N, C-alpha and C. Protein backbone atom coordinates (compact mmCIF):
# COMPACT_ATOMS: atom_id res chain seq x y z
N MET A 1 36.32 -46.24 23.97
CA MET A 1 35.38 -45.13 24.33
C MET A 1 34.01 -45.72 24.50
N SER A 2 33.33 -45.32 25.61
CA SER A 2 32.00 -45.94 25.91
C SER A 2 30.93 -45.16 25.09
N ASP A 3 29.96 -45.95 24.58
CA ASP A 3 28.83 -45.34 23.88
C ASP A 3 27.68 -45.03 24.79
N VAL A 4 27.87 -45.29 26.08
CA VAL A 4 26.74 -44.96 27.00
C VAL A 4 26.64 -43.47 27.24
N PRO A 5 25.50 -42.86 27.08
CA PRO A 5 25.38 -41.40 27.30
C PRO A 5 25.56 -41.03 28.73
N ASN A 6 26.17 -39.85 28.92
CA ASN A 6 26.40 -39.33 30.27
C ASN A 6 25.18 -38.62 30.74
N PRO A 7 24.52 -39.11 31.75
CA PRO A 7 23.24 -38.45 32.18
C PRO A 7 23.43 -37.00 32.69
N SER A 8 24.68 -36.66 33.12
CA SER A 8 24.89 -35.30 33.62
C SER A 8 25.21 -34.33 32.51
N ALA A 9 25.36 -34.83 31.29
CA ALA A 9 25.74 -33.86 30.18
C ALA A 9 24.52 -33.12 29.74
N PRO A 10 24.64 -31.84 29.27
CA PRO A 10 23.49 -31.05 28.80
C PRO A 10 22.90 -31.69 27.57
N PRO A 11 21.60 -31.57 27.32
CA PRO A 11 20.96 -32.17 26.18
C PRO A 11 21.46 -31.60 24.89
N ILE A 12 21.48 -32.38 23.89
CA ILE A 12 21.93 -31.94 22.57
C ILE A 12 20.75 -31.30 21.88
N VAL A 13 20.93 -30.06 21.35
CA VAL A 13 19.92 -29.38 20.62
C VAL A 13 20.06 -29.73 19.18
N LYS A 14 19.13 -30.52 18.70
CA LYS A 14 19.27 -31.00 17.36
C LYS A 14 18.77 -30.01 16.33
N ARG A 15 17.83 -29.01 16.77
CA ARG A 15 17.32 -28.02 15.81
C ARG A 15 17.52 -26.64 16.38
N PRO A 16 18.73 -26.15 16.33
CA PRO A 16 18.98 -24.81 16.90
C PRO A 16 18.19 -23.73 16.20
N TRP A 17 17.88 -23.91 14.95
CA TRP A 17 17.13 -22.83 14.28
C TRP A 17 15.72 -22.59 14.87
N LEU A 18 15.17 -23.64 15.50
CA LEU A 18 13.88 -23.45 16.18
C LEU A 18 13.99 -22.47 17.36
N TRP A 19 15.07 -22.61 18.06
CA TRP A 19 15.28 -21.78 19.24
C TRP A 19 15.62 -20.33 18.79
N THR A 20 16.31 -20.24 17.68
CA THR A 20 16.60 -18.89 17.13
C THR A 20 15.36 -18.21 16.68
N LEU A 21 14.45 -18.94 16.02
CA LEU A 21 13.15 -18.42 15.57
C LEU A 21 12.31 -18.00 16.79
N PHE A 22 12.20 -18.87 17.79
CA PHE A 22 11.46 -18.61 18.96
C PHE A 22 11.93 -17.31 19.63
N ALA A 23 13.25 -17.16 19.74
CA ALA A 23 13.88 -15.93 20.37
C ALA A 23 13.45 -14.73 19.58
N LEU A 24 13.55 -14.83 18.23
CA LEU A 24 13.17 -13.66 17.40
C LEU A 24 11.72 -13.22 17.60
N ILE A 25 10.80 -14.26 17.72
CA ILE A 25 9.41 -13.95 17.86
C ILE A 25 9.17 -13.25 19.26
N ILE A 26 9.84 -13.76 20.29
CA ILE A 26 9.67 -13.18 21.61
C ILE A 26 10.17 -11.72 21.59
N LEU A 27 11.36 -11.52 20.97
CA LEU A 27 11.89 -10.19 20.97
C LEU A 27 11.15 -9.21 20.10
N SER A 28 10.37 -9.76 19.11
CA SER A 28 9.68 -8.88 18.21
C SER A 28 8.35 -8.39 18.79
N ILE A 29 7.84 -9.06 19.82
CA ILE A 29 6.54 -8.63 20.37
C ILE A 29 6.52 -7.19 20.90
N PRO A 30 7.49 -6.75 21.75
CA PRO A 30 7.46 -5.39 22.20
C PRO A 30 7.54 -4.42 21.04
N ALA A 31 8.39 -4.71 20.04
CA ALA A 31 8.55 -3.77 18.92
C ALA A 31 7.28 -3.67 18.12
N ALA A 32 6.58 -4.80 17.94
CA ALA A 32 5.32 -4.77 17.25
C ALA A 32 4.28 -3.98 17.99
N ALA A 33 4.29 -4.12 19.31
CA ALA A 33 3.32 -3.41 20.16
C ALA A 33 3.55 -1.90 20.07
N THR A 34 4.81 -1.52 20.04
CA THR A 34 5.16 -0.10 19.93
C THR A 34 4.75 0.46 18.60
N LEU A 35 5.02 -0.29 17.51
CA LEU A 35 4.59 0.14 16.21
C LEU A 35 3.13 0.30 16.08
N ALA A 36 2.39 -0.68 16.64
CA ALA A 36 0.91 -0.63 16.57
C ALA A 36 0.38 0.59 17.31
N ALA A 37 1.01 0.93 18.44
CA ALA A 37 0.55 2.11 19.17
C ALA A 37 0.77 3.41 18.38
N LYS A 38 1.85 3.42 17.64
CA LYS A 38 2.14 4.59 16.84
C LYS A 38 1.19 4.71 15.66
N LEU A 39 0.77 3.57 15.11
CA LEU A 39 -0.10 3.56 13.93
C LEU A 39 -1.56 3.75 14.30
N ARG A 40 -1.92 3.43 15.56
CA ARG A 40 -3.29 3.50 16.06
C ARG A 40 -3.76 4.99 15.98
N PRO A 41 -4.99 5.22 15.50
CA PRO A 41 -5.44 6.62 15.41
C PRO A 41 -5.46 7.29 16.84
N HIS A 42 -5.00 8.52 16.81
CA HIS A 42 -4.93 9.23 18.09
C HIS A 42 -6.34 9.61 18.53
N ARG A 43 -6.70 9.32 19.76
CA ARG A 43 -8.01 9.60 20.29
C ARG A 43 -7.99 10.81 21.25
N THR A 44 -8.88 11.68 20.99
CA THR A 44 -9.01 12.89 21.78
C THR A 44 -10.41 13.00 22.25
N ASN A 45 -10.64 13.14 23.54
CA ASN A 45 -11.98 13.17 24.12
C ASN A 45 -12.51 14.64 24.09
N LEU A 46 -13.22 14.97 23.02
CA LEU A 46 -13.78 16.28 22.88
C LEU A 46 -15.04 16.39 23.77
N PRO A 47 -15.27 17.52 24.34
CA PRO A 47 -16.45 17.64 25.22
C PRO A 47 -17.80 17.55 24.49
N HIS A 48 -18.83 17.21 25.19
CA HIS A 48 -20.18 17.25 24.70
C HIS A 48 -20.81 18.48 25.36
N LEU A 49 -21.18 19.49 24.53
CA LEU A 49 -21.60 20.75 25.04
C LEU A 49 -23.12 20.98 24.80
N GLY A 50 -23.87 19.89 24.83
CA GLY A 50 -25.29 20.01 24.56
C GLY A 50 -25.66 19.41 23.25
N LYS A 51 -26.94 19.26 23.02
CA LYS A 51 -27.44 18.65 21.81
C LYS A 51 -28.31 19.67 21.06
N VAL A 52 -28.13 19.72 19.74
CA VAL A 52 -28.94 20.63 18.94
C VAL A 52 -30.34 20.03 18.72
N PRO A 53 -31.34 20.82 19.10
CA PRO A 53 -32.73 20.33 18.94
C PRO A 53 -33.13 20.26 17.46
N ALA A 54 -34.17 19.52 17.19
CA ALA A 54 -34.67 19.44 15.80
C ALA A 54 -35.08 20.80 15.33
N PHE A 55 -34.79 21.10 14.07
CA PHE A 55 -35.21 22.36 13.46
C PHE A 55 -35.63 22.09 12.02
N SER A 56 -36.45 22.97 11.45
CA SER A 56 -36.95 22.92 10.11
C SER A 56 -36.90 24.25 9.48
N LEU A 57 -36.07 24.40 8.42
CA LEU A 57 -35.85 25.72 7.79
C LEU A 57 -35.93 25.57 6.29
N ILE A 58 -35.49 26.59 5.52
CA ILE A 58 -35.53 26.60 4.06
C ILE A 58 -34.15 26.91 3.52
N ASP A 59 -33.64 26.19 2.55
CA ASP A 59 -32.30 26.46 2.06
C ASP A 59 -32.32 27.51 0.95
N GLN A 60 -31.15 27.78 0.40
CA GLN A 60 -30.98 28.86 -0.61
C GLN A 60 -31.65 28.52 -1.93
N GLU A 61 -31.99 27.24 -2.12
CA GLU A 61 -32.75 26.86 -3.31
C GLU A 61 -34.26 26.91 -3.08
N GLY A 62 -34.68 27.26 -1.92
CA GLY A 62 -36.11 27.32 -1.61
C GLY A 62 -36.69 25.97 -1.16
N HIS A 63 -35.77 24.97 -0.91
CA HIS A 63 -36.22 23.65 -0.55
C HIS A 63 -36.26 23.53 1.01
N PRO A 64 -37.15 22.75 1.51
CA PRO A 64 -37.17 22.48 2.94
C PRO A 64 -35.84 21.85 3.40
N PHE A 65 -35.36 22.27 4.51
CA PHE A 65 -34.13 21.75 5.06
C PHE A 65 -34.30 21.57 6.57
N ASP A 66 -34.16 20.34 7.09
CA ASP A 66 -34.32 20.14 8.51
C ASP A 66 -33.15 19.34 9.03
N SER A 67 -33.11 19.31 10.35
CA SER A 67 -32.00 18.64 11.04
C SER A 67 -31.78 17.22 10.71
N SER A 68 -32.86 16.54 10.27
CA SER A 68 -32.74 15.07 9.98
C SER A 68 -31.78 14.86 8.82
N GLU A 69 -31.64 15.84 7.93
CA GLU A 69 -30.70 15.67 6.80
C GLU A 69 -29.26 15.60 7.25
N LEU A 70 -28.99 16.06 8.49
CA LEU A 70 -27.62 16.08 8.99
C LEU A 70 -27.34 14.93 9.94
N ALA A 71 -28.35 14.06 10.17
CA ALA A 71 -28.17 12.97 11.09
C ALA A 71 -27.09 12.01 10.61
N GLY A 72 -26.22 11.61 11.50
CA GLY A 72 -25.15 10.75 11.11
C GLY A 72 -23.92 11.40 10.44
N LYS A 73 -24.01 12.71 10.25
CA LYS A 73 -22.96 13.42 9.57
C LYS A 73 -22.27 14.44 10.50
N THR A 74 -21.02 14.69 10.24
CA THR A 74 -20.31 15.76 10.95
C THR A 74 -20.56 17.05 10.21
N TRP A 75 -20.77 18.13 10.95
CA TRP A 75 -21.08 19.40 10.28
C TRP A 75 -20.62 20.56 11.07
N VAL A 76 -20.36 21.72 10.36
CA VAL A 76 -19.91 22.93 10.97
C VAL A 76 -20.94 24.01 10.62
N VAL A 77 -21.32 24.77 11.62
CA VAL A 77 -22.32 25.79 11.40
C VAL A 77 -21.83 27.19 11.80
N ASP A 78 -22.25 28.19 11.09
CA ASP A 78 -21.99 29.57 11.53
C ASP A 78 -23.22 30.41 11.26
N PHE A 79 -23.21 31.68 11.64
CA PHE A 79 -24.37 32.54 11.61
C PHE A 79 -24.02 33.89 10.92
N VAL A 80 -24.80 34.19 9.88
CA VAL A 80 -24.46 35.39 9.07
C VAL A 80 -25.76 36.10 8.64
N PHE A 81 -25.65 37.26 8.01
CA PHE A 81 -26.75 37.86 7.27
C PHE A 81 -26.18 38.64 6.13
N THR A 82 -26.97 38.66 5.04
CA THR A 82 -26.43 39.14 3.80
C THR A 82 -26.07 40.61 3.74
N SER A 83 -26.70 41.40 4.55
CA SER A 83 -26.41 42.83 4.53
C SER A 83 -25.34 43.20 5.56
N CYS A 84 -24.78 42.26 6.22
CA CYS A 84 -23.73 42.50 7.21
C CYS A 84 -22.49 43.09 6.49
N PRO A 85 -21.97 44.22 6.96
CA PRO A 85 -20.89 44.89 6.25
C PRO A 85 -19.45 44.32 6.44
N GLU A 86 -19.19 43.79 7.65
CA GLU A 86 -17.79 43.38 7.91
C GLU A 86 -17.64 41.97 8.42
N ALA A 87 -18.27 41.68 9.57
CA ALA A 87 -18.03 40.43 10.25
C ALA A 87 -18.46 39.22 9.38
N CYS A 88 -19.64 39.31 8.79
CA CYS A 88 -20.18 38.14 8.06
C CYS A 88 -19.36 37.81 6.78
N PRO A 89 -18.93 38.82 6.01
CA PRO A 89 -18.10 38.47 4.90
C PRO A 89 -16.77 37.73 5.36
N LYS A 90 -16.28 38.14 6.48
CA LYS A 90 -15.06 37.43 6.99
C LYS A 90 -15.39 36.01 7.38
N LEU A 91 -16.54 35.88 8.05
CA LEU A 91 -16.96 34.52 8.46
C LEU A 91 -17.16 33.63 7.20
N SER A 92 -17.85 34.18 6.21
CA SER A 92 -18.10 33.36 5.01
C SER A 92 -16.84 33.07 4.22
N ALA A 93 -15.90 34.04 4.20
CA ALA A 93 -14.63 33.77 3.55
C ALA A 93 -13.84 32.65 4.26
N GLU A 94 -13.93 32.62 5.64
CA GLU A 94 -13.28 31.57 6.36
C GLU A 94 -13.98 30.20 6.10
N MET A 95 -15.29 30.25 5.98
CA MET A 95 -16.09 29.00 5.71
C MET A 95 -15.70 28.53 4.29
N ALA A 96 -15.53 29.51 3.35
CA ALA A 96 -15.15 29.10 2.00
C ALA A 96 -13.78 28.43 1.98
N ARG A 97 -12.85 28.91 2.78
CA ARG A 97 -11.53 28.27 2.91
C ARG A 97 -11.68 26.82 3.48
N LEU A 98 -12.58 26.67 4.44
CA LEU A 98 -12.86 25.35 4.98
C LEU A 98 -13.48 24.41 3.95
N GLN A 99 -14.35 24.99 3.11
CA GLN A 99 -14.92 24.19 2.01
C GLN A 99 -13.81 23.65 1.09
N THR A 100 -12.93 24.53 0.68
CA THR A 100 -11.78 24.16 -0.20
C THR A 100 -10.91 23.09 0.45
N TRP A 101 -10.65 23.27 1.75
CA TRP A 101 -9.87 22.31 2.54
C TRP A 101 -10.49 20.92 2.51
N LEU A 102 -11.81 20.89 2.65
CA LEU A 102 -12.57 19.62 2.64
C LEU A 102 -12.51 19.00 1.23
N GLN A 103 -12.75 19.82 0.25
CA GLN A 103 -12.74 19.31 -1.14
C GLN A 103 -11.38 18.74 -1.55
N ASN A 104 -10.35 19.45 -1.15
CA ASN A 104 -9.03 18.98 -1.54
C ASN A 104 -8.64 17.66 -0.91
N ARG A 105 -9.30 17.32 0.19
CA ARG A 105 -8.99 16.07 0.96
C ARG A 105 -10.12 15.01 0.71
N GLY A 106 -10.98 15.30 -0.27
CA GLY A 106 -12.04 14.30 -0.52
C GLY A 106 -13.01 14.09 0.62
N LYS A 107 -13.16 15.11 1.50
CA LYS A 107 -14.02 14.96 2.66
C LYS A 107 -15.36 15.63 2.50
N ASP A 108 -15.61 16.17 1.28
CA ASP A 108 -16.84 17.00 1.06
C ASP A 108 -18.06 16.15 1.04
N ALA A 109 -17.96 14.82 1.00
CA ALA A 109 -19.17 13.94 0.99
C ALA A 109 -19.56 13.58 2.42
N GLU A 110 -18.67 13.65 3.35
CA GLU A 110 -18.95 13.26 4.72
C GLU A 110 -19.07 14.38 5.73
N ILE A 111 -18.53 15.57 5.34
CA ILE A 111 -18.64 16.75 6.21
C ILE A 111 -19.53 17.75 5.51
N HIS A 112 -20.42 18.45 6.28
CA HIS A 112 -21.27 19.45 5.71
C HIS A 112 -21.14 20.79 6.44
N LEU A 113 -21.41 21.81 5.70
CA LEU A 113 -21.30 23.17 6.23
C LEU A 113 -22.69 23.79 6.18
N LEU A 114 -23.00 24.61 7.22
CA LEU A 114 -24.33 25.22 7.30
C LEU A 114 -24.21 26.64 7.86
N SER A 115 -24.74 27.61 7.03
CA SER A 115 -24.79 28.99 7.45
C SER A 115 -26.26 29.38 7.65
N ILE A 116 -26.55 29.78 8.86
CA ILE A 116 -27.95 30.22 9.20
C ILE A 116 -28.03 31.69 9.30
N THR A 117 -28.96 32.28 8.61
CA THR A 117 -29.10 33.73 8.70
C THR A 117 -29.70 34.14 10.02
N VAL A 118 -29.26 35.29 10.56
CA VAL A 118 -29.85 35.83 11.76
C VAL A 118 -30.71 37.02 11.39
N ASP A 119 -31.02 37.19 10.08
CA ASP A 119 -31.89 38.28 9.66
C ASP A 119 -32.90 37.68 8.69
N PRO A 120 -33.82 36.85 9.22
CA PRO A 120 -34.78 36.12 8.36
C PRO A 120 -35.78 37.05 7.72
N GLU A 121 -36.03 38.24 8.28
CA GLU A 121 -36.97 39.14 7.76
C GLU A 121 -36.56 39.65 6.34
N HIS A 122 -35.22 39.73 6.13
CA HIS A 122 -34.70 40.21 4.86
C HIS A 122 -34.08 39.15 4.02
N ASP A 123 -33.52 38.11 4.66
CA ASP A 123 -32.75 37.10 3.94
C ASP A 123 -33.66 36.01 3.38
N THR A 124 -34.17 36.25 2.23
CA THR A 124 -34.98 35.26 1.52
C THR A 124 -34.04 34.19 0.89
N PRO A 125 -34.61 33.11 0.44
CA PRO A 125 -33.78 32.10 -0.22
C PRO A 125 -33.05 32.66 -1.39
N GLU A 126 -33.70 33.60 -2.16
CA GLU A 126 -33.07 34.22 -3.31
C GLU A 126 -31.83 35.05 -2.93
N ARG A 127 -31.97 35.81 -1.85
CA ARG A 127 -30.83 36.62 -1.40
C ARG A 127 -29.73 35.75 -0.85
N LEU A 128 -30.08 34.72 -0.20
CA LEU A 128 -29.07 33.75 0.33
C LEU A 128 -28.33 33.06 -0.84
N LYS A 129 -29.10 32.76 -1.89
CA LYS A 129 -28.48 32.09 -3.05
C LYS A 129 -27.46 32.97 -3.69
N ALA A 130 -27.79 34.26 -3.86
CA ALA A 130 -26.87 35.25 -4.49
C ALA A 130 -25.66 35.47 -3.59
N TYR A 131 -25.90 35.50 -2.26
CA TYR A 131 -24.79 35.66 -1.32
C TYR A 131 -23.88 34.46 -1.38
N ALA A 132 -24.45 33.26 -1.40
CA ALA A 132 -23.70 32.00 -1.45
C ALA A 132 -22.83 31.96 -2.72
N ALA A 133 -23.38 32.43 -3.85
CA ALA A 133 -22.64 32.40 -5.11
C ALA A 133 -21.40 33.26 -5.04
N GLY A 134 -21.46 34.32 -4.25
CA GLY A 134 -20.31 35.22 -4.08
C GLY A 134 -19.15 34.55 -3.39
N PHE A 135 -19.39 33.46 -2.69
CA PHE A 135 -18.32 32.73 -2.01
C PHE A 135 -18.11 31.33 -2.62
N HIS A 136 -18.72 31.14 -3.83
CA HIS A 136 -18.55 29.89 -4.57
C HIS A 136 -18.95 28.68 -3.69
N ALA A 137 -20.01 28.82 -3.02
CA ALA A 137 -20.56 27.72 -2.08
C ALA A 137 -21.10 26.62 -2.96
N ASP A 138 -20.62 25.43 -2.68
CA ASP A 138 -21.13 24.20 -3.32
C ASP A 138 -22.44 23.82 -2.59
N PRO A 139 -23.57 23.86 -3.28
CA PRO A 139 -24.85 23.65 -2.61
C PRO A 139 -25.00 22.23 -2.05
N HIS A 140 -24.21 21.31 -2.55
CA HIS A 140 -24.24 19.94 -2.00
C HIS A 140 -23.48 19.83 -0.66
N LEU A 141 -22.58 20.73 -0.47
CA LEU A 141 -21.68 20.72 0.69
C LEU A 141 -22.05 21.81 1.72
N TRP A 142 -22.38 22.98 1.18
CA TRP A 142 -22.58 24.16 2.05
C TRP A 142 -23.92 24.74 1.80
N LYS A 143 -24.79 24.62 2.84
CA LYS A 143 -26.17 25.15 2.76
C LYS A 143 -26.28 26.52 3.48
N PHE A 144 -27.12 27.41 2.94
CA PHE A 144 -27.48 28.59 3.59
C PHE A 144 -29.01 28.50 3.85
N VAL A 145 -29.41 28.77 5.08
CA VAL A 145 -30.83 28.51 5.43
C VAL A 145 -31.46 29.73 6.11
N THR A 146 -32.76 29.84 5.94
CA THR A 146 -33.56 30.84 6.57
C THR A 146 -34.89 30.26 7.04
N GLY A 147 -35.76 31.07 7.59
CA GLY A 147 -37.05 30.60 8.09
C GLY A 147 -37.80 31.74 8.73
N SER A 148 -38.79 31.46 9.47
CA SER A 148 -39.51 32.52 10.17
C SER A 148 -38.62 33.03 11.32
N SER A 149 -38.96 34.24 11.81
CA SER A 149 -38.18 34.80 12.94
C SER A 149 -38.21 33.84 14.14
N LYS A 150 -39.34 33.20 14.39
CA LYS A 150 -39.48 32.30 15.52
C LYS A 150 -38.57 31.07 15.28
N GLN A 151 -38.55 30.50 14.08
CA GLN A 151 -37.77 29.37 13.78
C GLN A 151 -36.27 29.64 13.94
N ILE A 152 -35.86 30.83 13.48
CA ILE A 152 -34.45 31.18 13.58
C ILE A 152 -34.10 31.44 14.99
N GLU A 153 -34.93 32.09 15.77
CA GLU A 153 -34.61 32.34 17.17
C GLU A 153 -34.52 31.01 17.91
N ASP A 154 -35.42 30.10 17.68
CA ASP A 154 -35.39 28.85 18.35
C ASP A 154 -34.14 28.05 18.02
N ALA A 155 -33.71 28.09 16.80
CA ALA A 155 -32.56 27.35 16.28
C ALA A 155 -31.27 27.93 16.82
N VAL A 156 -31.14 29.29 16.60
CA VAL A 156 -29.86 29.95 16.91
C VAL A 156 -29.67 30.16 18.42
N VAL A 157 -30.64 30.78 19.06
CA VAL A 157 -30.49 31.11 20.48
C VAL A 157 -30.79 29.86 21.32
N GLY A 158 -31.92 29.22 21.08
CA GLY A 158 -32.26 28.10 21.84
C GLY A 158 -31.47 26.84 21.62
N GLY A 159 -31.17 26.60 20.36
CA GLY A 159 -30.49 25.41 19.95
C GLY A 159 -28.97 25.47 20.01
N PHE A 160 -28.41 26.50 19.40
CA PHE A 160 -26.95 26.60 19.36
C PHE A 160 -26.32 27.51 20.42
N LYS A 161 -27.17 28.11 21.24
CA LYS A 161 -26.71 28.89 22.37
C LYS A 161 -25.88 30.16 21.94
N ILE A 162 -26.32 30.71 20.81
CA ILE A 162 -25.63 31.88 20.27
C ILE A 162 -26.59 33.09 20.49
N SER A 163 -26.08 34.17 21.12
CA SER A 163 -26.90 35.33 21.36
C SER A 163 -26.99 36.23 20.10
N VAL A 164 -28.16 36.79 19.89
CA VAL A 164 -28.41 37.66 18.75
C VAL A 164 -29.13 38.88 19.22
N THR A 165 -28.67 40.07 18.89
CA THR A 165 -29.29 41.34 19.31
C THR A 165 -29.42 42.23 18.08
N LYS A 166 -30.61 42.72 17.83
CA LYS A 166 -30.85 43.68 16.74
C LYS A 166 -31.02 45.08 17.28
N GLU A 167 -30.24 46.04 16.77
CA GLU A 167 -30.31 47.40 17.24
C GLU A 167 -30.45 48.37 16.10
N LYS A 168 -31.24 49.43 16.32
CA LYS A 168 -31.41 50.49 15.30
C LYS A 168 -30.12 51.34 15.32
N ASP A 169 -29.68 51.84 14.12
CA ASP A 169 -28.53 52.67 14.02
C ASP A 169 -28.60 53.51 12.75
N ASP A 170 -27.51 54.19 12.45
CA ASP A 170 -27.49 55.08 11.28
C ASP A 170 -26.86 54.47 10.07
N THR A 171 -26.71 53.17 10.03
CA THR A 171 -26.17 52.49 8.87
C THR A 171 -27.21 52.51 7.77
N PRO A 172 -26.73 52.23 6.50
CA PRO A 172 -27.67 52.24 5.37
C PRO A 172 -28.91 51.26 5.58
N THR A 173 -28.72 50.20 6.30
CA THR A 173 -29.83 49.32 6.59
C THR A 173 -30.76 49.77 7.64
N GLY A 174 -30.28 50.72 8.48
CA GLY A 174 -31.04 51.24 9.57
C GLY A 174 -30.97 50.41 10.86
N PHE A 175 -30.15 49.35 10.81
CA PHE A 175 -30.04 48.50 12.02
C PHE A 175 -28.75 47.70 11.95
N SER A 176 -28.33 47.20 13.08
CA SER A 176 -27.18 46.32 13.20
C SER A 176 -27.60 45.08 13.97
N ILE A 177 -27.06 43.97 13.57
CA ILE A 177 -27.35 42.72 14.29
C ILE A 177 -26.06 42.24 14.87
N LEU A 178 -26.04 42.10 16.19
CA LEU A 178 -24.86 41.62 16.91
C LEU A 178 -25.07 40.13 17.14
N HIS A 179 -24.14 39.33 16.78
CA HIS A 179 -24.26 37.89 16.91
C HIS A 179 -22.93 37.27 17.05
N GLY A 180 -22.93 35.99 17.50
CA GLY A 180 -21.66 35.31 17.71
C GLY A 180 -20.94 35.05 16.42
N THR A 181 -19.59 35.08 16.51
CA THR A 181 -18.74 34.90 15.33
C THR A 181 -17.90 33.66 15.45
N HIS A 182 -18.47 32.62 16.01
CA HIS A 182 -17.77 31.32 16.20
C HIS A 182 -18.34 30.32 15.23
N PHE A 183 -17.54 29.42 14.83
CA PHE A 183 -18.00 28.19 14.14
C PHE A 183 -18.30 27.17 15.21
N ILE A 184 -19.28 26.31 14.94
CA ILE A 184 -19.68 25.28 15.87
C ILE A 184 -19.50 23.90 15.21
N LEU A 185 -18.88 23.01 15.86
CA LEU A 185 -18.69 21.67 15.36
C LEU A 185 -19.75 20.72 15.91
N ILE A 186 -20.49 20.00 15.08
CA ILE A 186 -21.57 19.13 15.48
C ILE A 186 -21.25 17.71 15.02
N ASP A 187 -21.46 16.72 15.87
CA ASP A 187 -21.17 15.37 15.43
C ASP A 187 -22.42 14.70 14.86
N GLY A 188 -22.32 13.40 14.44
CA GLY A 188 -23.40 12.76 13.81
C GLY A 188 -24.60 12.48 14.66
N ALA A 189 -24.43 12.59 15.94
CA ALA A 189 -25.55 12.44 16.92
C ALA A 189 -26.22 13.73 17.26
N GLY A 190 -25.77 14.83 16.63
CA GLY A 190 -26.33 16.13 16.91
C GLY A 190 -25.80 16.80 18.16
N ALA A 191 -24.66 16.31 18.66
CA ALA A 191 -24.08 16.88 19.87
C ALA A 191 -23.06 17.98 19.46
N ILE A 192 -23.11 19.10 20.20
CA ILE A 192 -22.14 20.18 19.99
C ILE A 192 -20.77 19.74 20.60
N ARG A 193 -19.70 19.73 19.78
CA ARG A 193 -18.41 19.27 20.26
C ARG A 193 -17.38 20.33 20.42
N GLY A 194 -17.75 21.63 19.97
CA GLY A 194 -16.74 22.68 20.15
C GLY A 194 -17.16 23.99 19.51
N PHE A 195 -16.66 25.09 20.03
CA PHE A 195 -16.84 26.41 19.47
C PHE A 195 -15.47 26.95 19.09
N TYR A 196 -15.40 27.63 17.90
CA TYR A 196 -14.11 28.03 17.40
C TYR A 196 -14.19 29.44 16.85
N ASP A 197 -13.31 30.27 17.29
CA ASP A 197 -13.24 31.70 16.96
C ASP A 197 -12.79 31.81 15.48
N ALA A 198 -13.65 32.29 14.64
CA ALA A 198 -13.30 32.37 13.18
C ALA A 198 -12.23 33.39 12.89
N SER A 199 -11.96 34.29 13.84
CA SER A 199 -10.94 35.33 13.58
C SER A 199 -9.56 34.93 14.06
N ASP A 200 -9.49 33.70 14.63
CA ASP A 200 -8.24 33.21 15.26
C ASP A 200 -7.73 32.04 14.42
N SER A 201 -6.58 32.18 13.77
CA SER A 201 -6.06 31.15 12.91
C SER A 201 -5.78 29.85 13.68
N LEU A 202 -5.31 29.95 14.94
CA LEU A 202 -5.03 28.77 15.75
C LEU A 202 -6.35 28.04 16.05
N SER A 203 -7.41 28.78 16.32
CA SER A 203 -8.68 28.17 16.57
C SER A 203 -9.21 27.46 15.30
N MET A 204 -8.98 28.03 14.22
CA MET A 204 -9.39 27.41 12.93
C MET A 204 -8.61 26.13 12.68
N GLU A 205 -7.36 26.14 13.04
CA GLU A 205 -6.52 24.96 12.87
C GLU A 205 -7.03 23.84 13.82
N ARG A 206 -7.40 24.20 15.05
CA ARG A 206 -7.98 23.20 15.95
C ARG A 206 -9.27 22.66 15.37
N LEU A 207 -10.06 23.51 14.76
CA LEU A 207 -11.32 23.03 14.15
C LEU A 207 -11.06 21.97 13.12
N ARG A 208 -10.07 22.23 12.24
CA ARG A 208 -9.74 21.26 11.23
C ARG A 208 -9.29 19.92 11.83
N GLU A 209 -8.52 19.99 12.89
CA GLU A 209 -8.07 18.77 13.55
C GLU A 209 -9.29 18.00 14.21
N HIS A 210 -10.14 18.80 14.85
CA HIS A 210 -11.26 18.21 15.48
C HIS A 210 -12.32 17.58 14.51
N ILE A 211 -12.39 18.27 13.33
CA ILE A 211 -13.31 17.71 12.32
C ILE A 211 -12.88 16.29 11.97
N GLN A 212 -11.56 16.07 11.75
CA GLN A 212 -11.08 14.76 11.42
C GLN A 212 -11.23 13.75 12.53
N ILE A 213 -11.11 14.24 13.75
CA ILE A 213 -11.27 13.33 14.91
C ILE A 213 -12.77 12.91 15.02
N VAL A 214 -13.66 13.88 14.94
CA VAL A 214 -15.12 13.54 15.04
C VAL A 214 -15.54 12.71 13.92
N ALA A 215 -15.17 13.10 12.68
CA ALA A 215 -15.58 12.35 11.49
C ALA A 215 -15.02 10.96 11.51
N GLY A 216 -13.84 10.77 12.10
CA GLY A 216 -13.24 9.47 12.13
C GLY A 216 -13.70 8.60 13.30
N GLY A 217 -14.64 9.15 14.14
CA GLY A 217 -15.18 8.34 15.22
C GLY A 217 -14.17 8.17 16.35
N ASN A 218 -13.20 9.07 16.47
CA ASN A 218 -12.18 8.90 17.52
C ASN A 218 -12.36 9.89 18.66
N SER A 219 -13.59 10.39 18.85
CA SER A 219 -13.82 11.31 19.91
C SER A 219 -14.65 10.75 21.04
């Protein structure tokens, strides 16, 4: 038998395990890409609906509160007044549920809640503090603010694009204030990212989803 190698014979693979390893690596790349796509945070492009201008008001503790305190933070704002008989208690109850939801998820340090009175003539810091206590508002998480009529009008109507109308009537207060009943989501740059109907459970669910998206920087 000749010991001369046959040049036409296929080469001898002396390390077959290398080829097996190489094949496994190649085959694993698509699977790894698919898994990474599933684990990657879902991105949703929420609209930019204008920017909130700077404002300076007073919180329920009587301390100055301005928009700079919310810079870099995600926050949700609504509009209430303490003598409101029906709509505002429902709004505040929904905001209280949102507060609990944030606290249960450890998000209360990064998300803030803000309730602005639309009746600054009557809603002093003392009245707002008593009203806030009725909904167990955490003052570090949920602020209630007031100011002069001009400051409130500039912030609510001019800044947040919420209409407010005060009308005389036969109620015990002698007037009614008609105002928007939506929550507004604001990002860390002060941009309005969405309006959410507080009376609609599906809209509130979307708000919770969008809070996480905006706070996570995925918008």
